[in-house]
C-alpha atoms as a PDB file:
ATOM      1  CA  MET A   1     -18.772  26.884  51.619  1.00  0.00           C
ATOM      2  CA  ALA A   2     -16.337  24.062  52.442  1.00  0.00           C
ATOM      3  CA  PRO A   3     -14.893  22.429  49.307  1.00  0.00           C
ATOM      4  CA  GLU A   4     -16.556  19.223  48.167  1.00  0.00           C
ATOM      5  CA  THR A   5     -14.442  16.105  48.109  1.00  0.00           C
ATOM      6  CA  ALA A   6     -12.679  16.201  44.815  1.00  0.00           C
ATOM      7  CA  ALA A   7     -12.526  13.180  42.463  1.00  0.00           C
ATOM      8  CA  PRO A   8      -9.431  11.064  42.803  1.00  0.00           C
ATOM      9  CA  LEU A   9      -6.428  12.378  40.806  1.00  0.00           C
ATOM     10  CA  HIS A  10      -5.125   9.610  38.635  1.00  0.00           C
ATOM     11  CA  ALA A  11      -3.487  11.742  35.976  1.00  0.00           C
ATOM     12  CA  VAL A  12      -0.495  13.907  36.241  1.00  0.00           C
ATOM     13  CA  GLY A  13      -1.740  17.454  35.317  1.00  0.00           C
ATOM     14  CA  ALA A  14      -4.405  20.001  36.028  1.00  0.00           C
ATOM     15  CA  THR A  15      -6.195  19.274  32.812  1.00  0.00           C
ATOM     16  CA  ALA A  16      -7.374  15.867  33.947  1.00  0.00           C
ATOM     17  CA  ALA A  17      -8.388  17.135  37.345  1.00  0.00           C
ATOM     18  CA  LEU A  18     -10.354  20.055  35.779  1.00  0.00           C
ATOM     19  CA  THR A  19     -12.067  17.639  33.329  1.00  0.00           C
ATOM     20  CA  GLY A  20     -13.351  15.736  36.266  1.00  0.00           C
ATOM     21  CA  THR A  21     -14.617  18.866  38.036  1.00  0.00           C
ATOM     22  CA  TYR A  22     -16.366  19.990  34.915  1.00  0.00           C
ATOM     23  CA  GLY A  23     -17.962  16.547  34.558  1.00  0.00           C
ATOM     24  CA  ARG A  24     -19.338  16.906  38.130  1.00  0.00           C
ATOM     25  CA  LEU A  25     -20.560  20.414  37.492  1.00  0.00           C
ATOM     26  CA  ILE A  26     -22.274  19.581  34.278  1.00  0.00           C
ATOM     27  CA  ALA A  27     -23.975  16.485  35.808  1.00  0.00           C
ATOM     28  CA  LEU A  28     -25.380  18.757  38.566  1.00  0.00           C
ATOM     29  CA  CYS A  29     -26.583  21.629  36.434  1.00  0.00           C
ATOM     30  CA  ASP A  30     -29.249  20.895  33.835  1.00  0.00           C
ATOM     31  CA  ALA A  31     -28.898  24.524  32.692  1.00  0.00           C
ATOM     32  CA  LEU A  32     -25.240  24.102  31.862  1.00  0.00           C
ATOM     33  CA  ASP A  33     -25.286  21.855  28.731  1.00  0.00           C
ATOM     34  CA  VAL A  34     -21.575  21.832  27.764  1.00  0.00           C
ATOM     35  CA  ARG A  35     -19.269  19.492  26.064  1.00  0.00           C
ATOM     36  CA  VAL A  36     -15.834  19.305  27.594  1.00  0.00           C
ATOM     37  CA  VAL A  37     -12.953  19.079  25.173  1.00  0.00           C
ATOM     38  CA  PRO A  38      -9.424  18.130  26.145  1.00  0.00           C
ATOM     39  CA  PRO A  39      -6.832  20.308  24.255  1.00  0.00           C
ATOM     40  CA  ASP A  40      -5.293  17.439  22.320  1.00  0.00           C
ATOM     41  CA  HIS A  41      -8.765  16.489  20.888  1.00  0.00           C
ATOM     42  CA  LEU A  42      -9.888  19.984  19.937  1.00  0.00           C
ATOM     43  CA  ALA A  43     -10.882  20.458  16.241  1.00  0.00           C
ATOM     44  CA  SER A  44      -9.839  23.818  14.694  1.00  0.00           C
ATOM     45  CA  ALA A  45     -12.275  26.690  14.909  1.00  0.00           C
ATOM     46  CA  GLY A  46     -12.846  26.425  11.185  1.00  0.00           C
ATOM     47  CA  ASP A  47     -13.562  22.784  11.106  1.00  0.00           C
ATOM     48  CA  PRO A  48     -16.888  22.281   9.334  1.00  0.00           C
ATOM     49  CA  GLU A  49     -17.618  19.070  10.941  1.00  0.00           C
ATOM     50  CA  PRO A  50     -19.776  19.665  14.025  1.00  0.00           C
ATOM     51  CA  ALA A  51     -18.793  18.009  17.381  1.00  0.00           C
ATOM     52  CA  PRO A  52     -21.426  16.404  19.502  1.00  0.00           C
ATOM     53  CA  GLY A  53     -22.967  18.866  21.875  1.00  0.00           C
ATOM     54  CA  ARG A  54     -26.039  20.265  23.501  1.00  0.00           C
ATOM     55  CA  ASP A  55     -27.780  23.683  23.676  1.00  0.00           C
ATOM     56  CA  LEU A  56     -26.248  26.378  25.881  1.00  0.00           C
ATOM     57  CA  ALA A  57     -29.133  27.124  28.196  1.00  0.00           C
ATOM     58  CA  PRO A  58     -32.359  25.132  28.268  1.00  0.00           C
ATOM     59  CA  ASP A  59     -33.864  26.576  31.411  1.00  0.00           C
ATOM     60  CA  ARG A  60     -36.344  29.326  31.262  1.00  0.00           C
ATOM     61  CA  ASP A  61     -35.825  31.386  34.324  1.00  0.00           C
ATOM     62  CA  ARG A  62     -32.317  31.546  35.728  1.00  0.00           C
ATOM     63  CA  ASP A  63     -32.528  34.117  38.474  1.00  0.00           C
ATOM     64  CA  LEU A  64     -32.963  32.164  41.729  1.00  0.00           C
ATOM     65  CA  GLY A  65     -31.648  29.443  39.530  1.00  0.00           C
ATOM     66  CA  ARG A  66     -33.892  30.897  36.884  1.00  0.00           C
ATOM     67  CA  ASP A  67     -33.491  33.877  34.487  1.00  0.00           C
ATOM     68  CA  HIS A  68     -35.697  33.519  31.379  1.00  0.00           C
ATOM     69  CA  THR A  69     -33.036  31.965  29.209  1.00  0.00           C
ATOM     70  CA  ASP A  70     -35.053  29.574  27.242  1.00  0.00           C
ATOM     71  CA  GLY A  71     -33.527  27.372  24.599  1.00  0.00           C
ATOM     72  CA  HIS A  72     -30.168  27.879  22.904  1.00  0.00           C
ATOM     73  CA  ALA A  73     -28.740  31.120  21.879  1.00  0.00           C
ATOM     74  CA  HIS A  74     -26.900  30.113  18.881  1.00  0.00           C
ATOM     75  CA  GLY A  75     -29.675  29.024  16.566  1.00  0.00           C
ATOM     76  CA  HIS A  76     -29.585  28.695  12.797  1.00  0.00           C
ATOM     77  CA  GLY A  77     -28.230  29.788   9.469  1.00  0.00           C
ATOM     78  CA  HIS A  78     -24.517  30.040  10.080  1.00  0.00           C
ATOM     79  CA  ALA A  79     -22.330  26.967   9.675  1.00  0.00           C
ATOM     80  CA  GLU A  80     -19.044  28.404  10.999  1.00  0.00           C
ATOM     81  CA  ARG A  81     -17.538  27.215  14.230  1.00  0.00           C
ATOM     82  CA  LEU A  82     -16.538  30.101  16.256  1.00  0.00           C
ATOM     83  CA  ASP A  83     -14.881  30.859  19.574  1.00  0.00           C
ATOM     84  CA  GLY A  84     -15.028  33.562  22.166  1.00  0.00           C
ATOM     85  CA  ALA A  85     -11.976  35.338  20.818  1.00  0.00           C
ATOM     86  CA  VAL A  86     -13.307  35.423  17.265  1.00  0.00           C
ATOM     87  CA  LEU A  87     -16.608  36.892  18.542  1.00  0.00           C
ATOM     88  CA  ALA A  88     -14.745  39.807  20.219  1.00  0.00           C
ATOM     89  CA  GLN A  89     -12.542  40.438  17.201  1.00  0.00           C
ATOM     90  CA  ASP A  90     -14.602  39.779  14.035  1.00  0.00           C
ATOM     91  CA  GLU A  91     -17.735  41.889  13.465  1.00  0.00           C
ATOM     92  CA  ARG A  92     -19.107  39.436  10.977  1.00  0.00           C
ATOM     93  CA  ALA A  93     -18.972  36.649  13.561  1.00  0.00           C
ATOM     94  CA  LEU A  94     -20.645  38.852  16.052  1.00  0.00           C
ATOM     95  CA  ASP A  95     -23.345  39.670  13.649  1.00  0.00           C
ATOM     96  CA  ALA A  96     -23.971  35.976  13.073  1.00  0.00           C
ATOM     97  CA  PHE A  97     -24.008  35.296  16.823  1.00  0.00           C
ATOM     98  CA  ILE A  98     -26.665  37.992  17.357  1.00  0.00           C
ATOM     99  CA  GLU A  99     -28.694  37.017  14.284  1.00  0.00           C
ATOM    100  CA  ALA A 100     -28.804  33.385  15.572  1.00  0.00           C
ATOM    101  CA  GLU A 101     -30.363  34.689  18.845  1.00  0.00           C
ATOM    102  CA  ALA A 102     -32.861  36.782  16.853  1.00  0.00           C
ATOM    103  CA  VAL A 103     -33.941  33.706  14.883  1.00  0.00           C
ATOM    104  CA  ARG A 104     -34.346  31.863  18.134  1.00  0.00           C
ATOM    105  CA  ILE A 105     -36.518  34.547  19.551  1.00  0.00           C
ATOM    106  CA  ARG A 106     -38.665  34.778  16.468  1.00  0.00           C
ATOM    107  CA  GLU A 107     -39.184  31.012  16.381  1.00  0.00           C
ATOM    108  CA  ARG A 108     -40.059  30.781  20.208  1.00  0.00           C
ATOM    109  CA  HIS A 109     -42.052  34.044  20.626  1.00  0.00           C
ATOM    110  CA  GLY A 110     -43.434  34.860  17.202  1.00  0.00           C
ATOM    111  CA  HIS A 111     -41.966  38.313  16.675  1.00  0.00           C
ATOM    112  CA  VAL A 112     -38.761  39.903  15.463  1.00  0.00           C
ATOM    113  CA  PRO A 113     -36.770  41.421  18.366  1.00  0.00           C
ATOM    114  CA  ARG A 114     -34.909  44.721  18.103  1.00  0.00           C
ATOM    115  CA  ARG A 115     -31.276  44.185  17.391  1.00  0.00           C
ATOM    116  CA  ASP A 116     -30.200  45.407  20.850  1.00  0.00           C
ATOM    117  CA  VAL A 117     -32.648  43.092  22.508  1.00  0.00           C
ATOM    118  CA  ALA A 118     -31.236  40.055  20.563  1.00  0.00           C
ATOM    119  CA  ALA A 119     -27.704  41.260  21.350  1.00  0.00           C
ATOM    120  CA  SER A 120     -28.408  41.589  25.035  1.00  0.00           C
ATOM    121  CA  ARG A 121     -29.944  38.128  25.216  1.00  0.00           C
ATOM    122  CA  ALA A 122     -27.040  36.505  23.365  1.00  0.00           C
ATOM    123  CA  LEU A 123     -24.514  38.336  25.586  1.00  0.00           C
ATOM    124  CA  HIS A 124     -26.343  37.316  28.777  1.00  0.00           C
ATOM    125  CA  ASP A 125     -26.414  33.618  27.729  1.00  0.00           C
ATOM    126  CA  TYR A 126     -22.753  33.656  27.015  1.00  0.00           C
ATOM    127  CA  LEU A 127     -21.830  35.452  30.331  1.00  0.00           C
ATOM    128  CA  TRP A 128     -23.964  33.232  32.462  1.00  0.00           C
ATOM    129  CA  SER A 129     -22.594  30.047  31.051  1.00  0.00           C
ATOM    130  CA  VAL A 130     -18.954  30.989  30.921  1.00  0.00           C
ATOM    131  CA  SER A 131     -19.021  32.580  34.392  1.00  0.00           C
ATOM    132  CA  LEU A 132     -20.454  29.290  35.834  1.00  0.00           C
ATOM    133  CA  LEU A 133     -17.643  27.367  34.165  1.00  0.00           C
ATOM    134  CA  MET A 134     -15.327  29.348  36.349  1.00  0.00           C
ATOM    135  CA  SER A 135     -17.416  29.948  39.460  1.00  0.00           C
ATOM    136  CA  GLY A 136     -18.765  26.322  39.549  1.00  0.00           C
ATOM    137  CA  PRO A 137     -15.402  24.717  40.191  1.00  0.00           C
ATOM    138  CA  TRP A 138     -14.573  27.416  42.807  1.00  0.00           C
ATOM    139  CA  HIS A 139     -17.804  26.813  44.656  1.00  0.00           C
ATOM    140  CA  LEU A 140     -17.593  22.978  44.432  1.00  0.00           C
ATOM    141  CA  GLU A 141     -13.774  22.356  44.975  1.00  0.00           C
ATOM    142  CA  ARG A 142     -12.160  25.733  45.517  1.00  0.00           C
ATOM    143  CA  ARG A 143     -10.468  25.642  42.102  1.00  0.00           C
ATOM    144  CA  VAL A 144     -10.592  28.602  39.660  1.00  0.00           C
ATOM    145  CA  PRO A 145      -9.909  27.749  36.089  1.00  0.00           C
ATOM    146  CA  ARG A 146      -8.663  30.343  33.662  1.00  0.00           C
ATOM    147  CA  VAL A 147     -10.907  29.928  30.648  1.00  0.00           C
ATOM    148  CA  HIS A 148      -9.534  31.888  27.729  1.00  0.00           C
ATOM    149  CA  PRO A 149     -11.903  33.228  25.038  1.00  0.00           C
ATOM    150  CA  ALA A 150     -10.415  30.897  22.427  1.00  0.00           C
ATOM    151  CA  GLU A 151     -11.274  27.929  24.693  1.00  0.00           C
ATOM    152  CA  VAL A 152     -14.974  28.505  24.357  1.00  0.00           C
ATOM    153  CA  ARG A 153     -16.306  27.176  21.055  1.00  0.00           C
ATOM    154  CA  LEU A 154     -19.662  27.680  19.484  1.00  0.00           C
ATOM    155  CA  ASN A 155     -21.282  26.061  16.429  1.00  0.00           C
ATOM    156  CA  LEU A 156     -24.089  28.423  15.387  1.00  0.00           C
ATOM    157  CA  ALA A 157     -25.744  26.011  12.924  1.00  0.00           C
ATOM    158  CA  ALA A 158     -25.949  23.230  15.503  1.00  0.00           C
ATOM    159  CA  ALA A 159     -26.302  25.346  18.659  1.00  0.00           C
ATOM    160  CA  GLU A 160     -23.333  23.608  20.228  1.00  0.00           C
ATOM    161  CA  PHE A 161     -21.146  24.793  23.031  1.00  0.00           C
ATOM    162  CA  GLU A 162     -17.715  23.419  23.988  1.00  0.00           C
ATOM    163  CA  VAL A 163     -15.073  24.335  26.556  1.00  0.00           C
ATOM    164  CA  VAL A 164     -11.386  23.307  26.401  1.00  0.00           C
ATOM    165  CA  THR A 165      -9.665  22.260  29.563  1.00  0.00           C
ATOM    166  CA  GLY A 166      -6.219  23.624  28.689  1.00  0.00           C
ATOM    167  CA  SER A 167      -5.263  26.454  30.967  1.00  0.00           C
ATOM    168  CA  GLY A 168      -5.034  24.993  34.468  1.00  0.00           C
ATOM    169  CA  PHE A 169      -6.490  26.459  37.668  1.00  0.00           C
ATOM    170  CA  ALA A 170      -5.632  28.339  40.845  1.00  0.00           C
ATOM    171  CA  CYS A 171      -6.185  26.571  44.166  1.00  0.00           C
ATOM    172  CA  LEU A 172      -5.401  26.611  47.869  1.00  0.00           C
ATOM    173  CA  PRO A 173      -2.303  25.178  49.505  1.00  0.00           C
ATOM    174  CA  ASP A 174      -4.182  22.201  51.020  1.00  0.00           C
ATOM    175  CA  ASP A 175      -5.796  21.155  47.695  1.00  0.00           C
ATOM    176  CA  PRO A 176      -4.805  17.647  46.753  1.00  0.00           C
ATOM    177  CA  ALA A 177      -4.159  18.875  43.277  1.00  0.00           C
ATOM    178  CA  ALA A 178      -1.855  21.701  44.354  1.00  0.00           C
ATOM    179  CA  GLY A 179       1.303  19.886  43.203  1.00  0.00           C
ATOM    180  CA  LEU A 180       0.013  19.025  39.736  1.00  0.00           C
ATOM    181  CA  PRO A 181       1.485  20.664  36.632  1.00  0.00           C
ATOM    182  CA  GLY A 182      -0.856  23.476  35.645  1.00  0.00           C
ATOM    183  CA  ALA A 183      -2.072  24.180  39.206  1.00  0.00           C
ATOM    184  CA  ARG A 184      -1.212  27.585  40.706  1.00  0.00           C
ATOM    185  CA  VAL A 185      -1.356  27.902  44.448  1.00  0.00           C
ATOM    186  CA  VAL A 186      -2.657  31.102  46.020  1.00  0.00           C
ATOM    187  CA  SER A 187      -2.361  31.992  49.677  1.00  0.00           C
ATOM    188  CA  ASP A 188      -6.006  31.975  51.105  1.00  0.00           C
ATOM    189  CA  GLN A 189      -9.669  32.183  50.384  1.00  0.00           C
ATOM    190  CA  GLU A 190      -9.663  35.912  49.642  1.00  0.00           C
ATOM    191  CA  ALA A 191      -6.808  35.522  47.239  1.00  0.00           C
ATOM    192  CA  LEU A 192      -8.863  32.757  45.546  1.00  0.00           C
ATOM    193  CA  ARG A 193     -11.913  34.980  45.287  1.00  0.00           C
ATOM    194  CA  ALA A 194      -9.751  37.663  43.758  1.00  0.00           C
ATOM    195  CA  GLU A 195      -8.536  35.029  41.207  1.00  0.00           C
ATOM    196  CA  LEU A 196     -12.130  34.257  40.340  1.00  0.00           C
ATOM    197  CA  ARG A 197     -13.031  37.898  39.777  1.00  0.00           C
ATOM    198  CA  ALA A 198      -9.932  38.403  37.662  1.00  0.00           C
ATOM    199  CA  ALA A 199     -10.561  35.364  35.561  1.00  0.00           C
ATOM    200  CA  VAL A 200     -14.062  36.423  34.748  1.00  0.00           C
ATOM    201  CA  VAL A 201     -12.958  40.047  33.940  1.00  0.00           C
ATOM    202  CA  ASP A 202     -10.069  38.912  31.748  1.00  0.00           C
ATOM    203  CA  HIS A 203     -12.337  36.467  29.748  1.00  0.00           C
ATOM    204  CA  VAL A 204     -15.258  38.770  29.161  1.00  0.00           C
ATOM    205  CA  SER A 205     -13.588  42.181  28.778  1.00  0.00           C
ATOM    206  CA  PRO A 206     -13.037  41.978  25.027  1.00  0.00           C
ATOM    207  CA  LEU A 207     -16.648  40.672  24.478  1.00  0.00           C
ATOM    208  CA  VAL A 208     -18.138  43.338  26.663  1.00  0.00           C
ATOM    209  CA  ALA A 209     -16.280  45.910  24.550  1.00  0.00           C
ATOM    210  CA  ALA A 210     -17.444  44.453  21.301  1.00  0.00           C
ATOM    211  CA  PHE A 211     -21.100  44.179  22.490  1.00  0.00           C
ATOM    212  CA  GLY A 212     -21.197  47.834  23.669  1.00  0.00           C
ATOM    213  CA  ARG A 213     -22.071  49.186  20.154  1.00  0.00           C
ATOM    214  CA  GLN A 214     -24.707  46.446  19.700  1.00  0.00           C
ATOM    215  CA  VAL A 215     -26.671  46.686  22.908  1.00  0.00           C
ATOM    216  CA  ARG A 216     -26.731  50.537  23.022  1.00  0.00           C
ATOM    217  CA  ARG A 217     -25.643  50.644  26.712  1.00  0.00           C
ATOM    218  CA  GLY A 218     -22.548  51.988  28.461  1.00  0.00           C
ATOM    219  CA  PRO A 219     -19.819  50.089  30.380  1.00  0.00           C
ATOM    220  CA  ARG A 220     -21.525  50.430  33.812  1.00  0.00           C
ATOM    221  CA  ALA A 221     -24.682  48.647  32.575  1.00  0.00           C
ATOM    222  CA  LEU A 222     -22.719  45.894  30.748  1.00  0.00           C
ATOM    223  CA  TRP A 223     -20.522  45.182  33.746  1.00  0.00           C
ATOM    224  CA  GLY A 224     -23.716  45.122  35.825  1.00  0.00           C
ATOM    225  CA  MET A 225     -24.761  42.306  33.596  1.00  0.00           C
ATOM    226  CA  VAL A 226     -21.543  40.510  34.239  1.00  0.00           C
ATOM    227  CA  ALA A 227     -21.921  40.805  37.903  1.00  0.00           C
ATOM    228  CA  ASP A 228     -25.486  39.630  37.833  1.00  0.00           C
ATOM    229  CA  ASP A 229     -24.601  36.569  35.718  1.00  0.00           C
ATOM    230  CA  LEU A 230     -21.602  35.700  38.010  1.00  0.00           C
ATOM    231  CA  VAL A 231     -23.781  35.883  41.121  1.00  0.00           C
ATOM    232  CA  SER A 232     -26.720  34.219  39.497  1.00  0.00           C
ATOM    233  CA  GLY A 233     -24.721  31.143  38.504  1.00  0.00           C
ATOM    234  CA  ILE A 234     -23.367  30.579  42.071  1.00  0.00           C
ATOM    235  CA  TRP A 235     -26.915  31.025  43.488  1.00  0.00           C
ATOM    236  CA  TYR A 236     -28.324  28.527  40.913  1.00  0.00           C
ATOM    237  CA  LEU A 237     -25.669  25.951  41.837  1.00  0.00           C
ATOM    238  CA  GLY A 238     -26.461  26.435  45.527  1.00  0.00           C
ATOM    239  CA  ARG A 239     -30.139  25.793  44.996  1.00  0.00           C
ATOM    240  CA  ILE A 240     -29.323  22.606  42.896  1.00  0.00           C
ATOM    241  CA  LEU A 241     -27.205  21.398  45.764  1.00  0.00           C
ATOM    242  CA  GLY A 242     -29.873  22.145  48.324  1.00  0.00           C
ATOM    243  CA  ARG A 243     -27.509  24.784  50.017  1.00  0.00           C
ATOM    244  CA  GLU A 244     -28.877  28.046  48.966  1.00  0.00           C
ATOM    245  CA  ASP A 245     -27.875  29.848  52.107  1.00  0.00           C
ATOM    246  CA  GLU A 246     -24.227  28.727  51.644  1.00  0.00           C
ATOM    247  CA  ALA A 247     -24.273  29.901  48.062  1.00  0.00           C
ATOM    248  CA  VAL A 248     -25.711  33.308  48.931  1.00  0.00           C
ATOM    249  CA  ARG A 249     -22.983  33.749  51.496  1.00  0.00           C
ATOM    250  CA  ALA A 250     -20.297  32.683  48.987  1.00  0.00           C
ATOM    251  CA  ALA A 251     -21.529  35.104  46.350  1.00  0.00           C
ATOM    252  CA  THR A 252     -21.734  37.878  48.860  1.00  0.00           C
ATOM    253  CA  GLU A 253     -18.187  37.236  49.955  1.00  0.00           C
ATOM    254  CA  LEU A 254     -17.159  37.156  46.282  1.00  0.00           C
ATOM    255  CA  LEU A 255     -18.857  40.505  45.568  1.00  0.00           C
ATOM    256  CA  PRO A 256     -19.547  42.189  48.917  1.00  0.00           C
ATOM    257  CA  HIS A 257     -19.798  45.567  47.195  1.00  0.00           C
ATOM    258  CA  GLY A 258     -18.741  47.133  43.922  1.00  0.00           C
ATOM    259  CA  ILE A 259     -15.160  46.025  43.029  1.00  0.00           C
ATOM    260  CA  PRO A 260     -14.221  47.578  39.681  1.00  0.00           C
ATOM    261  CA  PRO A 261     -15.176  46.893  37.009  1.00  0.00           C
ATOM    262  CA  PHE A 262     -18.182  45.346  38.793  1.00  0.00           C
ATOM    263  CA  PRO A 263     -20.439  48.329  39.664  1.00  0.00           C
ATOM    264  CA  GLY A 264     -22.077  46.691  42.698  1.00  0.00           C
ATOM    265  CA  GLY A 265     -22.160  43.708  44.964  1.00  0.00           C
ATOM    266  CA  ALA A 266     -24.321  40.705  45.297  1.00  0.00           C
ATOM    267  CA  ASP A 267     -26.710  42.573  47.617  1.00  0.00           C
ATOM    268  CA  PHE A 268     -29.016  39.732  48.580  1.00  0.00           C
ATOM    269  CA  ARG A 269     -31.995  40.403  50.888  1.00  0.00           C
ATOM    270  CA  ARG A 270     -34.789  38.391  52.421  1.00  0.00           C
ATOM    271  CA  LEU A 271     -38.458  38.372  51.534  1.00  0.00           C
ATOM    272  CA  THR A 272     -41.027  36.947  53.904  1.00  0.00           C
ATOM    273  CA  GLY A 273     -43.748  34.805  52.388  1.00  0.00           C
ATOM    274  CA  ARG A 274     -46.669  32.716  53.648  1.00  0.00           C
ATOM    275  CA  GLY A 275     -46.277  31.503  57.233  1.00  0.00           C
ATOM    276  CA  GLY A 276     -43.228  33.616  57.692  1.00  0.00           C
ATOM    277  CA  ALA A 277     -41.120  31.627  55.245  1.00  0.00           C
ATOM    278  CA  GLY A 278     -37.925  33.422  54.119  1.00  0.00           C
ATOM    279  CA  HIS A 279     -36.797  33.685  50.522  1.00  0.00           C
ATOM    280  CA  HIS A 280     -33.538  35.160  49.117  1.00  0.00           C
ATOM    281  CA  THR A 281     -33.762  37.696  46.446  1.00  0.00           C
ATOM    282  CA  ARG A 282     -31.783  40.432  44.908  1.00  0.00           C
ATOM    283  CA  THR A 283     -32.245  43.096  42.231  1.00  0.00           C
ATOM    284  CA  ARG A 284     -30.233  42.992  39.123  1.00  0.00           C
ATOM    285  CA  LEU A 285     -27.587  45.604  38.365  1.00  0.00           C
ATOM    286  CA  GLY A 286     -28.026  45.261  34.640  1.00  0.00           C
ATOM    287  CA  CYS A 287     -30.780  44.176  32.312  1.00  0.00           C
ATOM    288  CA  CYS A 288     -30.950  41.254  29.899  1.00  0.00           C
ATOM    289  CA  LEU A 289     -34.034  42.902  28.319  1.00  0.00           C
ATOM    290  CA  TYR A 290     -36.207  39.824  28.569  1.00  0.00           C
ATOM    291  CA  TYR A 291     -39.179  42.041  29.349  1.00  0.00           C
ATOM    292  CA  ARG A 292     -38.889  43.316  25.699  1.00  0.00           C
ATOM    293  CA  ILE A 293     -39.495  39.800  24.511  1.00  0.00           C
ATOM    294  CA  ASP A 294     -42.369  38.832  26.939  1.00  0.00           C
ATOM    295  CA  PRO A 295     -43.654  41.963  28.728  1.00  0.00           C
ATOM    296  CA  SER A 296     -46.067  39.886  30.782  1.00  0.00           C
ATOM    297  CA  GLN A 297     -43.232  38.239  32.819  1.00  0.00           C
ATOM    298  CA  ALA A 298     -40.108  40.176  33.571  1.00  0.00           C
ATOM    299  CA  CYS A 299     -37.187  38.265  35.202  1.00  0.00           C
ATOM    300  CA  LEU A 300     -37.635  37.333  38.807  1.00  0.00           C
ATOM    301  CA  THR A 301     -34.902  39.792  39.908  1.00  0.00           C
ATOM    302  CA  CYS A 302     -35.815  42.518  37.491  1.00  0.00           C
ATOM    303  CA  PRO A 303     -36.339  46.013  39.126  1.00  0.00           C
ATOM    304  CA  ARG A 304     -39.799  45.763  37.337  1.00  0.00           C
ATOM    305  CA  THR A 305     -40.746  42.851  39.425  1.00  0.00           C
ATOM    306  CA  CYS A 306     -42.217  43.924  42.810  1.00  0.00           C
ATOM    307  CA  ASP A 307     -41.623  41.940  45.976  1.00  0.00           C
ATOM    308  CA  ALA A 308     -45.200  40.666  46.115  1.00  0.00           C
ATOM    309  CA  GLU A 309     -44.900  39.279  42.556  1.00  0.00           C
ATOM    310  CA  ARG A 310     -41.563  37.715  43.567  1.00  0.00           C
ATOM    311  CA  ILE A 311     -43.023  35.893  46.475  1.00  0.00           C
ATOM    312  CA  ARG A 312     -46.069  34.760  44.455  1.00  0.00           C
ATOM    313  CA  ARG A 313     -43.851  33.194  41.729  1.00  0.00           C
ATOM    314  CA  ILE A 314     -41.314  31.728  44.212  1.00  0.00           C
ATOM    315  CA  GLU A 315     -44.053  30.066  46.280  1.00  0.00           C
ATOM    316  CA  ALA A 316     -45.835  28.904  43.151  1.00  0.00           C
ATOM    317  CA  GLY A 317     -42.697  27.251  42.046  1.00  0.00           C
ATOM    318  CA  SER A 318     -42.523  29.250  38.711  1.00  0.00           C
END
């Protein structure tokens, strides 16, 4: 996909440019309800005063732009403000994060989920949102931000999510922002794709390791979830832009096959619906366990969902 026209650069520094990119991304994506925080305005992680924000993931079905993530993942009963680094390092913080998801599931669905189910849903929500914060600027403007775990802030009591624009980004030599402080120039499109893969891996590796004990699955299954959420976010953005074909190509070029630690590629395929209409689909590499919450309606790209059901739901607009 050719880069979109970037916002004018009036400030000296990558932080201002990235703030504008995030503003554009958030305005496009209803499912990405995030507050952008410049580093000089960031409250400490232990600040008890909540910052304004919105829920992480209001959409219900994010694969194909839908994936059964309904409501916020960071519900109730824990007033502490956490960040991604704390989640990976502090078992009590991780327990609170998972319990907030369990409360949300109980309130929305009327039953208490198994702990591994709540943990899988919480991890999936985090992975999808954070991956899109890196892949979205890449898809829109060919810029790859490095979002460190400490730059993702969560308030469990208020279900708020913030990202700090402090770490700059990688870009191509012809980017208007290439000369800004904090911008790092890479040689070509493939180098930028490698930068995106590395940025996602570096951010989520500690969290994937911490969640392994909670979700009762091994590294291959967990990295399958990461690949799914990285691909799904790009696909979702393409649909929002009305450029699904371009997004599918971009995601396929990003993950053409398994590139460690990702166990597989994007692997899109076409379904033929009524009147010969074609629809993109893929089958997930990992599992977010939504079917354990609502057995009647697995995710659209779940291995449990047959092609006929996928076509029915796509053409019904579900």
